[in-house]
Protein backbone atom coordinates (compact mmCIF):
# COMPACT_ATOMS: atom_id res chain seq x y z
CA MET A 1 -87.33 -9.76 -8.50
CA GLY A 2 -88.62 -10.29 -12.03
CA ASP A 3 -86.73 -10.21 -15.55
CA PRO A 4 -84.06 -7.62 -15.89
CA THR A 5 -85.28 -4.36 -17.66
CA ILE A 6 -83.41 -1.65 -19.86
CA THR A 7 -84.86 1.75 -20.16
CA CYS A 8 -85.35 3.36 -23.44
CA PRO A 9 -83.01 6.23 -24.29
CA LYS A 10 -85.80 8.20 -26.22
CA CYS A 11 -88.86 7.60 -24.17
CA HIS A 12 -87.45 6.40 -20.89
CA HIS A 13 -89.70 3.55 -20.76
CA ASP A 14 -88.66 0.28 -18.93
CA ILE A 15 -88.62 -2.87 -21.61
CA PRO A 16 -88.53 -6.35 -19.70
CA LEU A 17 -85.56 -8.37 -21.10
CA THR A 18 -86.57 -11.81 -21.96
CA GLU A 19 -84.28 -14.50 -22.62
CA SER A 20 -84.83 -14.01 -26.66
CA LEU A 21 -83.87 -10.12 -26.27
CA ALA A 22 -81.13 -10.60 -23.87
CA ALA A 23 -79.23 -13.41 -25.54
CA PRO A 24 -78.06 -11.47 -28.56
CA LEU A 25 -77.07 -8.31 -26.04
CA LEU A 26 -75.18 -10.88 -23.61
CA GLU A 27 -73.71 -12.51 -26.65
CA ALA A 28 -72.19 -9.24 -28.07
CA THR A 29 -70.96 -8.29 -24.20
CA ARG A 30 -69.31 -11.54 -23.88
CA GLN A 31 -67.71 -11.04 -27.37
CA ASP A 32 -66.51 -7.48 -26.27
CA PHE A 33 -65.13 -8.62 -23.10
CA GLU A 34 -63.13 -11.58 -24.46
CA LEU A 35 -61.64 -9.05 -27.13
CA ARG A 36 -60.77 -6.81 -24.34
CA ILE A 37 -59.18 -9.80 -22.36
CA ALA A 38 -57.33 -11.16 -25.48
CA ASP A 39 -55.94 -7.40 -26.00
CA LYS A 40 -54.78 -7.06 -22.27
CA ASP A 41 -53.36 -10.69 -22.47
CA ARG A 42 -51.37 -9.55 -25.45
CA ASP A 43 -50.29 -6.34 -23.98
CA ILE A 44 -49.18 -8.30 -20.73
CA ALA A 45 -47.27 -10.84 -22.92
CA GLY A 46 -45.73 -8.01 -24.83
CA ARG A 47 -44.79 -6.15 -21.43
CA GLU A 48 -43.23 -9.29 -19.87
CA GLU A 49 -41.15 -9.82 -23.18
CA VAL A 50 -39.91 -6.43 -22.89
CA LEU A 51 -38.99 -7.36 -19.09
CA ARG A 52 -37.48 -10.46 -20.11
CA ASN A 53 -35.21 -8.72 -22.75
CA GLN A 54 -34.40 -5.72 -20.16
CA GLN A 55 -33.53 -8.28 -17.54
CA ALA A 56 -31.31 -10.49 -19.91
CA ALA A 57 -29.70 -7.08 -21.29
CA LEU A 58 -29.08 -6.20 -17.37
CA GLU A 59 -27.48 -9.54 -16.39
CA LYS A 60 -25.32 -9.39 -19.59
CA ALA A 61 -24.15 -5.65 -18.63
CA ARG A 62 -23.57 -7.09 -15.11
CA ALA A 63 -21.45 -9.97 -16.53
CA GLU A 64 -19.54 -7.34 -18.28
CA VAL A 65 -18.90 -4.99 -15.27
CA ASP A 66 -18.03 -8.09 -13.14
CA GLN A 67 -15.48 -9.31 -15.83
CA GLN A 68 -14.06 -5.65 -16.31
CA VAL A 69 -13.55 -5.39 -12.70
CA PHE A 70 -11.88 -8.57 -12.19
CA ASP A 71 -9.47 -7.80 -15.24
CA LYS A 72 -8.78 -4.53 -13.52
CA LEU A 73 -8.14 -6.04 -10.24
CA GLN A 74 -5.65 -8.67 -11.78
CA SER A 75 -3.89 -6.12 -13.54
CA GLU A 76 -3.87 -3.80 -10.23
CA ARG A 77 -2.33 -6.98 -8.30
CA LYS A 78 0.18 -7.47 -11.02
CA ARG A 79 1.23 -3.96 -11.12
CA ILE A 80 1.47 -3.75 -7.25
CA ALA A 81 3.20 -7.04 -7.14
CA GLY A 82 5.85 -5.48 -9.76
CA GLU A 83 6.03 -2.63 -7.84
CA GLU A 84 6.56 -4.28 -4.41
CA ALA A 85 9.26 -6.62 -5.92
CA GLU A 86 11.12 -3.72 -7.22
CA LYS A 87 10.85 -1.77 -4.08
CA ALA A 88 12.11 -5.23 -2.31
CA LYS A 89 15.19 -5.48 -5.06
CA ARG A 90 15.97 -1.69 -4.24
CA LEU A 91 15.86 -2.21 -0.72
CA ALA A 92 17.86 -5.38 -0.41
CA ALA A 93 20.48 -3.53 -2.92
CA ALA A 94 20.30 -0.58 -0.80
CA ASP A 95 21.09 -2.95 2.36
CA LEU A 96 23.53 -4.93 0.52
CA GLU A 97 25.62 -1.93 -0.57
CA GLN A 98 25.26 -0.30 3.11
CA LYS A 99 26.69 -3.92 4.26
CA ASP A 100 29.41 -3.69 1.49
CA LYS A 101 30.22 -0.05 2.57
CA GLU A 102 30.28 -1.27 6.62
CA LEU A 103 32.43 -4.22 5.32
CA ALA A 104 35.23 -2.24 3.49
CA ASP A 105 35.16 0.62 6.56
CA LEU A 106 35.89 -2.12 8.92
CA ALA A 107 38.56 -3.82 6.58
CA LEU A 108 40.28 -0.22 6.45
CA ARG A 109 39.85 0.21 9.96
CA TYR A 110 41.05 -2.85 11.19
CA ASP A 111 43.84 -3.75 8.65
CA LEU A 112 42.24 -7.01 7.99
CA THR A 113 44.55 -9.99 6.60
CA VAL A 114 44.66 -11.92 3.35
CA PRO A 115 42.31 -14.76 4.61
CA LEU A 116 39.52 -12.25 4.91
CA ALA A 117 40.27 -11.13 1.40
CA ARG A 118 39.72 -14.74 0.35
CA VAL A 119 36.47 -14.92 1.77
CA VAL A 120 35.34 -11.61 0.30
CA SER A 121 36.21 -12.68 -2.95
CA SER A 122 34.96 -16.04 -2.91
CA THR A 123 31.44 -14.51 -1.88
CA GLY A 124 31.18 -12.31 -4.47
CA TRP A 125 31.85 -9.32 -2.25
CA ASP A 126 34.99 -8.43 -3.96
CA ARG A 127 33.59 -5.19 -5.62
CA PHE A 128 35.87 -3.01 -3.36
CA GLN A 129 38.33 -2.12 -6.13
CA GLY A 130 40.82 0.07 -5.02
CA VAL A 131 40.63 -1.16 -1.11
CA THR A 132 43.36 -3.13 0.14
CA LEU A 133 42.77 -5.70 2.48
CA SER A 134 46.00 -7.30 2.97
CA HIS A 135 48.22 -4.31 3.60
CA GLY A 136 51.70 -6.45 2.56
CA VAL A 137 50.46 -9.65 4.04
CA GLU A 138 51.02 -12.29 1.33
CA GLU A 139 48.65 -15.03 0.29
């Protein structure tokens, strides 16, 4: 196989390419490809920068969402704990009131004496206003 050839666009004649004829064509082609590669490198670098910026924005947004979820979770926990504490207080108060009523009923039913009245008074269960516990027995 001999020297490479090019075909004339007008006469369609094959012209052999010697080194002296091919050198300027090769140099022009090399420069053209180097420019194309440099353009592609700049394009890729620009895309990479855009991707890095998008990734940073995504990470920031994710961190913000995580913080919002954490804050919401904390506030919900506090709200639920408050509601449960209030519920427990209400239940305890209702239970205490029921026990107070039962104690008053028992005191009336069995005509309890003064010593029980002192116990009731000393424990703070003397809220039985109008309920007589001694029925005439003196302290």
